[in-house]
Amino acid sequence: MKPQHHWLAAIGTAVITTMALAACGSSATPAGTTTSTPSPSTPASSTPTAAVNTADVAFTTGMLRLEDQSTALAALVAGHTTSIQLHQFAAHLRELDSNTQHMREMMGQWHQPIPAPYTPGVTPPGGMGQGMMGSHDWDEMTHQYGHDFNDHWLDAMIANRTAEIALCRAELRSGASTQARALARTTLAQRRAELTQLRRWHHDQEHNGEHD
């Protein structure tokens, strides 16, 4: 494999600060928006009302599924390739777990169901969704090694990151949650950088005849 001359700039794990949302004085709730209610043990005056809409839930649900898939893809790398680039990227993916934990906490705060744990090759409830791999792809990839695996893995990760970028853009257009919008903004910048790197590696493999 040709040494990579351009590695990702350090992409830190997104640190999302929970922000107090102003809504206490409003008597109207925008269409498609729900509000969190204070715990019975907490005085209502000390708990801000957080606006959440269907776009926020769709964003967070989709991101959780895609991130679970990327974690599963990272787990395949060790036994199927010696590519330094793919091993580095797989290690980077494993460092993003704090992001998914934060998203699960957000769904709990919104009283929304958290997607079931991801199982490679199994279609998630609600259909495949953009960027999600089917059982045939998973089966094929588990039997590939070296160059063939690298090519297939890069295709899958490019689709995964492209789908996450689309989710981030949709959230920034239509989301109401300050937490979700902040996460989408940070994640969008990260995924764009990752996608650029992944496409560069894929180009090197296809056009320079590189092998594992």
C-alpha atoms as a PDB file:
ATOM      1  CA  MET A   1       0.000   0.000   0.000  1.00  0.00           C
ATOM      2  CA  LYS A   2       1.389   3.407  -0.942  1.00  0.00           C
ATOM      3  CA  PRO A   3       2.127   5.479   2.204  1.00  0.00           C
ATOM      4  CA  GLN A   4      -0.513   8.088   2.755  1.00  0.00           C
ATOM      5  CA  HIS A   5       0.767  11.642   2.601  1.00  0.00           C
ATOM      6  CA  HIS A   6      -2.274  13.296   4.016  1.00  0.00           C
ATOM      7  CA  TRP A   7      -3.815  12.008   7.243  1.00  0.00           C
ATOM      8  CA  LEU A   8      -6.864  13.542   8.799  1.00  0.00           C
ATOM      9  CA  ALA A   9      -6.282  16.628  10.862  1.00  0.00           C
ATOM     10  CA  ALA A  10      -6.881  15.704  14.463  1.00  0.00           C
ATOM     11  CA  ILE A  11     -10.584  15.245  14.766  1.00  0.00           C
ATOM     12  CA  GLY A  12     -11.586  15.594  18.353  1.00  0.00           C
ATOM     13  CA  THR A  13     -14.561  13.861  19.798  1.00  0.00           C
ATOM     14  CA  ALA A  14     -17.474  16.296  19.727  1.00  0.00           C
ATOM     15  CA  VAL A  15     -17.987  17.934  23.078  1.00  0.00           C
ATOM     16  CA  ILE A  16     -21.555  19.110  23.295  1.00  0.00           C
ATOM     17  CA  THR A  17     -22.493  21.531  26.042  1.00  0.00           C
ATOM     18  CA  THR A  18     -26.031  21.167  27.289  1.00  0.00           C
ATOM     19  CA  MET A  19     -27.634  24.563  26.868  1.00  0.00           C
ATOM     20  CA  ALA A  20     -30.600  26.063  28.687  1.00  0.00           C
ATOM     21  CA  LEU A  21     -33.383  26.714  26.200  1.00  0.00           C
ATOM     22  CA  ALA A  22     -35.756  29.607  26.529  1.00  0.00           C
ATOM     23  CA  ALA A  23     -39.399  28.659  26.291  1.00  0.00           C
ATOM     24  CA  CYS A  24     -40.845  29.375  29.698  1.00  0.00           C
ATOM     25  CA  GLY A  25     -42.790  32.436  28.662  1.00  0.00           C
ATOM     26  CA  SER A  26     -44.410  31.060  25.530  1.00  0.00           C
ATOM     27  CA  SER A  27     -47.919  29.686  25.506  1.00  0.00           C
ATOM     28  CA  ALA A  28     -47.670  28.243  21.994  1.00  0.00           C
ATOM     29  CA  THR A  29     -45.662  25.267  20.764  1.00  0.00           C
ATOM     30  CA  PRO A  30     -44.559  25.135  17.095  1.00  0.00           C
ATOM     31  CA  ALA A  31     -46.158  22.431  14.983  1.00  0.00           C
ATOM     32  CA  GLY A  32     -44.344  19.128  15.211  1.00  0.00           C
ATOM     33  CA  THR A  33     -42.533  20.215  18.378  1.00  0.00           C
ATOM     34  CA  THR A  34     -42.681  18.602  21.795  1.00  0.00           C
ATOM     35  CA  THR A  35     -41.353  19.894  25.084  1.00  0.00           C
ATOM     36  CA  SER A  36     -39.657  18.005  27.879  1.00  0.00           C
ATOM     37  CA  THR A  37     -41.425  18.115  31.243  1.00  0.00           C
ATOM     38  CA  PRO A  38     -39.677  18.614  34.583  1.00  0.00           C
ATOM     39  CA  SER A  39     -39.284  15.689  36.949  1.00  0.00           C
ATOM     40  CA  PRO A  40     -41.851  15.695  39.788  1.00  0.00           C
ATOM     41  CA  SER A  41     -38.961  16.007  42.243  1.00  0.00           C
ATOM     42  CA  THR A  42     -37.565  19.103  40.526  1.00  0.00           C
ATOM     43  CA  PRO A  43     -39.197  22.536  40.916  1.00  0.00           C
ATOM     44  CA  ALA A  44     -40.648  23.628  37.571  1.00  0.00           C
ATOM     45  CA  SER A  45     -39.065  27.059  37.925  1.00  0.00           C
ATOM     46  CA  SER A  46     -35.527  25.557  37.916  1.00  0.00           C
ATOM     47  CA  THR A  47     -35.986  23.332  34.825  1.00  0.00           C
ATOM     48  CA  PRO A  48     -35.895  24.986  31.388  1.00  0.00           C
ATOM     49  CA  THR A  49     -38.280  23.755  28.717  1.00  0.00           C
ATOM     50  CA  ALA A  50     -36.392  22.089  25.853  1.00  0.00           C
ATOM     51  CA  ALA A  51     -37.969  22.164  22.395  1.00  0.00           C
ATOM     52  CA  VAL A  52     -37.615  18.974  20.363  1.00  0.00           C
ATOM     53  CA  ASN A  53     -39.222  18.122  17.044  1.00  0.00           C
ATOM     54  CA  THR A  54     -39.460  15.175  14.670  1.00  0.00           C
ATOM     55  CA  ALA A  55     -36.363  16.317  12.753  1.00  0.00           C
ATOM     56  CA  ASP A  56     -34.286  16.060  15.943  1.00  0.00           C
ATOM     57  CA  VAL A  57     -35.515  12.524  16.623  1.00  0.00           C
ATOM     58  CA  ALA A  58     -34.942  11.431  13.006  1.00  0.00           C
ATOM     59  CA  PHE A  59     -31.420  12.873  13.057  1.00  0.00           C
ATOM     60  CA  THR A  60     -30.428  11.215  16.311  1.00  0.00           C
ATOM     61  CA  THR A  61     -31.989   7.851  15.426  1.00  0.00           C
ATOM     62  CA  GLY A  62     -30.308   7.801  12.024  1.00  0.00           C
ATOM     63  CA  MET A  63     -26.945   8.824  13.434  1.00  0.00           C
ATOM     64  CA  LEU A  64     -27.069   6.104  16.092  1.00  0.00           C
ATOM     65  CA  ARG A  65     -27.721   3.425  13.477  1.00  0.00           C
ATOM     66  CA  LEU A  66     -24.959   4.670  11.186  1.00  0.00           C
ATOM     67  CA  GLU A  67     -22.458   5.023  14.024  1.00  0.00           C
ATOM     68  CA  ASP A  68     -23.238   1.511  15.241  1.00  0.00           C
ATOM     69  CA  GLN A  69     -22.601   0.263  11.710  1.00  0.00           C
ATOM     70  CA  SER A  70     -19.285   2.117  11.472  1.00  0.00           C
ATOM     71  CA  THR A  71     -18.212   0.502  14.765  1.00  0.00           C
ATOM     72  CA  ALA A  72     -19.041  -2.913  13.301  1.00  0.00           C
ATOM     73  CA  LEU A  73     -17.031  -2.056  10.189  1.00  0.00           C
ATOM     74  CA  ALA A  74     -14.069  -1.026  12.341  1.00  0.00           C
ATOM     75  CA  ALA A  75     -14.154  -4.430  14.037  1.00  0.00           C
ATOM     76  CA  LEU A  76     -13.663  -6.179  10.677  1.00  0.00           C
ATOM     77  CA  VAL A  77     -10.395  -4.432   9.814  1.00  0.00           C
ATOM     78  CA  ALA A  78      -7.980  -6.313  12.073  1.00  0.00           C
ATOM     79  CA  GLY A  79      -8.634  -9.737  10.559  1.00  0.00           C
ATOM     80  CA  HIS A  80      -8.949  -8.755   6.909  1.00  0.00           C
ATOM     81  CA  THR A  81      -6.236  -6.250   5.986  1.00  0.00           C
ATOM     82  CA  THR A  82      -2.788  -4.998   6.950  1.00  0.00           C
ATOM     83  CA  SER A  83      -3.483  -1.551   5.484  1.00  0.00           C
ATOM     84  CA  ILE A  84      -2.038   1.060   7.856  1.00  0.00           C
ATOM     85  CA  GLN A  85      -4.570   3.627   6.685  1.00  0.00           C
ATOM     86  CA  LEU A  86      -7.568   1.395   7.398  1.00  0.00           C
ATOM     87  CA  HIS A  87      -6.195   0.378  10.783  1.00  0.00           C
ATOM     88  CA  GLN A  88      -5.705   4.043  11.703  1.00  0.00           C
ATOM     89  CA  PHE A  89      -9.196   4.939  10.593  1.00  0.00           C
ATOM     90  CA  ALA A  90     -10.699   1.975  12.453  1.00  0.00           C
ATOM     91  CA  ALA A  91      -8.956   3.167  15.636  1.00  0.00           C
ATOM     92  CA  HIS A  92     -10.411   6.633  15.062  1.00  0.00           C
ATOM     93  CA  LEU A  93     -13.908   5.144  14.730  1.00  0.00           C
ATOM     94  CA  ARG A  94     -13.578   3.366  18.059  1.00  0.00           C
ATOM     95  CA  GLU A  95     -12.797   6.717  19.705  1.00  0.00           C
ATOM     96  CA  LEU A  96     -16.201   8.123  18.747  1.00  0.00           C
ATOM     97  CA  ASP A  97     -18.163   6.062  21.286  1.00  0.00           C
ATOM     98  CA  SER A  98     -18.680   9.076  23.560  1.00  0.00           C
ATOM     99  CA  ASN A  99     -20.683  10.713  20.759  1.00  0.00           C
ATOM    100  CA  THR A 100     -23.078   7.781  20.525  1.00  0.00           C
ATOM    101  CA  GLN A 101     -23.440   7.689  24.311  1.00  0.00           C
ATOM    102  CA  HIS A 102     -24.364  11.368  24.267  1.00  0.00           C
ATOM    103  CA  MET A 103     -26.992  10.741  21.580  1.00  0.00           C
ATOM    104  CA  ARG A 104     -28.502   7.891  23.619  1.00  0.00           C
ATOM    105  CA  GLU A 105     -28.747  10.225  26.600  1.00  0.00           C
ATOM    106  CA  MET A 106     -30.479  12.826  24.427  1.00  0.00           C
ATOM    107  CA  MET A 107     -33.064  10.265  23.276  1.00  0.00           C
ATOM    108  CA  GLY A 108     -33.700   9.351  26.908  1.00  0.00           C
ATOM    109  CA  GLN A 109     -34.215  13.000  27.825  1.00  0.00           C
ATOM    110  CA  TRP A 110     -36.732  13.273  24.988  1.00  0.00           C
ATOM    111  CA  HIS A 111     -38.534  10.074  26.091  1.00  0.00           C
ATOM    112  CA  GLN A 112     -37.868   8.538  22.688  1.00  0.00           C
ATOM    113  CA  PRO A 113     -36.998   4.851  22.031  1.00  0.00           C
ATOM    114  CA  ILE A 114     -33.303   4.184  21.478  1.00  0.00           C
ATOM    115  CA  PRO A 115     -32.569   2.040  18.381  1.00  0.00           C
ATOM    116  CA  ALA A 116     -31.871  -1.605  19.176  1.00  0.00           C
ATOM    117  CA  PRO A 117     -28.199  -2.674  19.209  1.00  0.00           C
ATOM    118  CA  TYR A 118     -26.910  -3.019  15.669  1.00  0.00           C
ATOM    119  CA  THR A 119     -26.372  -6.501  14.273  1.00  0.00           C
ATOM    120  CA  PRO A 120     -24.253  -6.667  11.070  1.00  0.00           C
ATOM    121  CA  GLY A 121     -26.278  -7.992   8.155  1.00  0.00           C
ATOM    122  CA  VAL A 122     -29.654  -7.575   9.853  1.00  0.00           C
ATOM    123  CA  THR A 123     -32.034  -4.995   8.445  1.00  0.00           C
ATOM    124  CA  PRO A 124     -32.936  -2.515  11.207  1.00  0.00           C
ATOM    125  CA  PRO A 125     -36.590  -1.773  12.033  1.00  0.00           C
ATOM    126  CA  GLY A 126     -38.004   0.736   9.575  1.00  0.00           C
ATOM    127  CA  GLY A 127     -35.919  -0.429   6.636  1.00  0.00           C
ATOM    128  CA  MET A 128     -32.348  -0.084   5.490  1.00  0.00           C
ATOM    129  CA  GLY A 129     -32.008   3.681   5.332  1.00  0.00           C
ATOM    130  CA  GLN A 130     -29.380   5.641   3.440  1.00  0.00           C
ATOM    131  CA  GLY A 131     -25.838   4.389   4.032  1.00  0.00           C
ATOM    132  CA  MET A 132     -26.873   1.128   5.723  1.00  0.00           C
ATOM    133  CA  MET A 133     -25.438  -2.128   4.395  1.00  0.00           C
ATOM    134  CA  GLY A 134     -27.510  -5.157   3.456  1.00  0.00           C
ATOM    135  CA  SER A 135     -26.878  -8.764   4.483  1.00  0.00           C
ATOM    136  CA  HIS A 136     -25.308  -9.592   1.109  1.00  0.00           C
ATOM    137  CA  ASP A 137     -22.679  -6.866   1.518  1.00  0.00           C
ATOM    138  CA  TRP A 138     -21.809  -8.018   5.017  1.00  0.00           C
ATOM    139  CA  ASP A 139     -21.538 -11.652   3.971  1.00  0.00           C
ATOM    140  CA  GLU A 140     -19.333 -10.764   1.027  1.00  0.00           C
ATOM    141  CA  MET A 141     -17.040  -8.522   3.056  1.00  0.00           C
ATOM    142  CA  THR A 142     -16.477 -11.111   5.779  1.00  0.00           C
ATOM    143  CA  HIS A 143     -14.984 -13.417   3.125  1.00  0.00           C
ATOM    144  CA  GLN A 144     -12.691 -10.808   1.555  1.00  0.00           C
ATOM    145  CA  TYR A 145      -9.063  -9.993   2.351  1.00  0.00           C
ATOM    146  CA  GLY A 146      -6.390  -7.557   1.253  1.00  0.00           C
ATOM    147  CA  HIS A 147      -7.139  -5.353  -1.729  1.00  0.00           C
ATOM    148  CA  ASP A 148     -10.688  -6.663  -2.300  1.00  0.00           C
ATOM    149  CA  PHE A 149     -11.595  -6.062   1.333  1.00  0.00           C
ATOM    150  CA  ASN A 150     -10.023  -2.589   1.329  1.00  0.00           C
ATOM    151  CA  ASP A 151     -12.017  -1.578  -1.721  1.00  0.00           C
ATOM    152  CA  HIS A 152     -15.318  -2.877  -0.345  1.00  0.00           C
ATOM    153  CA  TRP A 153     -14.683  -1.419   3.124  1.00  0.00           C
ATOM    154  CA  LEU A 154     -13.899   2.021   1.709  1.00  0.00           C
ATOM    155  CA  ASP A 155     -17.073   1.922  -0.399  1.00  0.00           C
ATOM    156  CA  ALA A 156     -19.104   1.111   2.717  1.00  0.00           C
ATOM    157  CA  MET A 157     -17.508   3.847   4.824  1.00  0.00           C
ATOM    158  CA  ILE A 158     -17.919   6.438   2.053  1.00  0.00           C
ATOM    159  CA  ALA A 159     -21.644   5.600   1.889  1.00  0.00           C
ATOM    160  CA  ASN A 160     -21.846   5.710   5.692  1.00  0.00           C
ATOM    161  CA  ARG A 161     -20.218   9.142   5.999  1.00  0.00           C
ATOM    162  CA  THR A 162     -22.185  10.541   3.043  1.00  0.00           C
ATOM    163  CA  ALA A 163     -25.417   9.489   4.790  1.00  0.00           C
ATOM    164  CA  GLU A 164     -24.321  11.095   8.074  1.00  0.00           C
ATOM    165  CA  ILE A 165     -23.543  14.352   6.273  1.00  0.00           C
ATOM    166  CA  ALA A 166     -27.062  14.327   4.794  1.00  0.00           C
ATOM    167  CA  LEU A 167     -28.548  13.792   8.270  1.00  0.00           C
ATOM    168  CA  CYS A 168     -26.526  16.669   9.724  1.00  0.00           C
ATOM    169  CA  ARG A 169     -27.651  19.023   6.969  1.00  0.00           C
ATOM    170  CA  ALA A 170     -31.309  18.035   7.470  1.00  0.00           C
ATOM    171  CA  GLU A 171     -30.996  18.653  11.218  1.00  0.00           C
ATOM    172  CA  LEU A 172     -29.483  22.096  10.683  1.00  0.00           C
ATOM    173  CA  ARG A 173     -32.327  22.973   8.289  1.00  0.00           C
ATOM    174  CA  SER A 174     -35.229  21.748  10.395  1.00  0.00           C
ATOM    175  CA  GLY A 175     -34.178  20.718  13.910  1.00  0.00           C
ATOM    176  CA  ALA A 176     -35.357  22.526  17.052  1.00  0.00           C
ATOM    177  CA  SER A 177     -33.127  21.030  19.762  1.00  0.00           C
ATOM    178  CA  THR A 178     -30.109  23.162  20.613  1.00  0.00           C
ATOM    179  CA  GLN A 179     -28.220  20.024  21.683  1.00  0.00           C
ATOM    180  CA  ALA A 180     -28.965  18.166  18.456  1.00  0.00           C
ATOM    181  CA  ARG A 181     -28.161  21.165  16.266  1.00  0.00           C
ATOM    182  CA  ALA A 182     -24.827  21.705  18.041  1.00  0.00           C
ATOM    183  CA  LEU A 183     -23.969  18.035  17.551  1.00  0.00           C
ATOM    184  CA  ALA A 184     -24.948  18.214  13.875  1.00  0.00           C
ATOM    185  CA  ARG A 185     -22.790  21.294  13.309  1.00  0.00           C
ATOM    186  CA  THR A 186     -19.697  19.716  14.884  1.00  0.00           C
ATOM    187  CA  THR A 187     -20.259  16.329  13.261  1.00  0.00           C
ATOM    188  CA  LEU A 188     -20.765  17.848   9.817  1.00  0.00           C
ATOM    189  CA  ALA A 189     -17.284  19.391   9.834  1.00  0.00           C
ATOM    190  CA  GLN A 190     -15.746  16.116  11.023  1.00  0.00           C
ATOM    191  CA  ARG A 191     -17.525  13.928   8.496  1.00  0.00           C
ATOM    192  CA  ARG A 192     -16.583  16.195   5.592  1.00  0.00           C
ATOM    193  CA  ALA A 193     -12.898  15.831   6.526  1.00  0.00           C
ATOM    194  CA  GLU A 194     -13.246  12.072   6.912  1.00  0.00           C
ATOM    195  CA  LEU A 195     -15.050  11.726   3.592  1.00  0.00           C
ATOM    196  CA  THR A 196     -12.302  13.640   1.783  1.00  0.00           C
ATOM    197  CA  GLN A 197      -9.676  11.258   3.199  1.00  0.00           C
ATOM    198  CA  LEU A 198     -11.686   8.123   2.451  1.00  0.00           C
ATOM    199  CA  ARG A 199     -12.229   9.186  -1.149  1.00  0.00           C
ATOM    200  CA  ARG A 200      -8.518   9.898  -1.559  1.00  0.00           C
ATOM    201  CA  TRP A 201      -7.607   6.410  -0.366  1.00  0.00           C
ATOM    202  CA  HIS A 202     -10.260   4.872  -2.616  1.00  0.00           C
ATOM    203  CA  HIS A 203      -8.891   6.812  -5.582  1.00  0.00           C
ATOM    204  CA  ASP A 204      -5.364   5.583  -4.817  1.00  0.00           C
ATOM    205  CA  GLN A 205      -6.551   1.984  -4.764  1.00  0.00           C
ATOM    206  CA  GLU A 206      -8.548   2.166  -7.974  1.00  0.00           C
ATOM    207  CA  HIS A 207      -6.273   4.314 -10.120  1.00  0.00           C
ATOM    208  CA  ASN A 208      -2.787   3.513  -8.847  1.00  0.00           C
ATOM    209  CA  GLY A 209      -3.294  -0.229  -8.698  1.00  0.00           C
ATOM    210  CA  GLU A 210      -2.424  -0.367  -4.998  1.00  0.00           C
ATOM    211  CA  HIS A 211      -2.751  -3.580  -3.027  1.00  0.00           C
ATOM    212  CA  ASP A 212      -2.708  -4.526   0.612  1.00  0.00           C
END
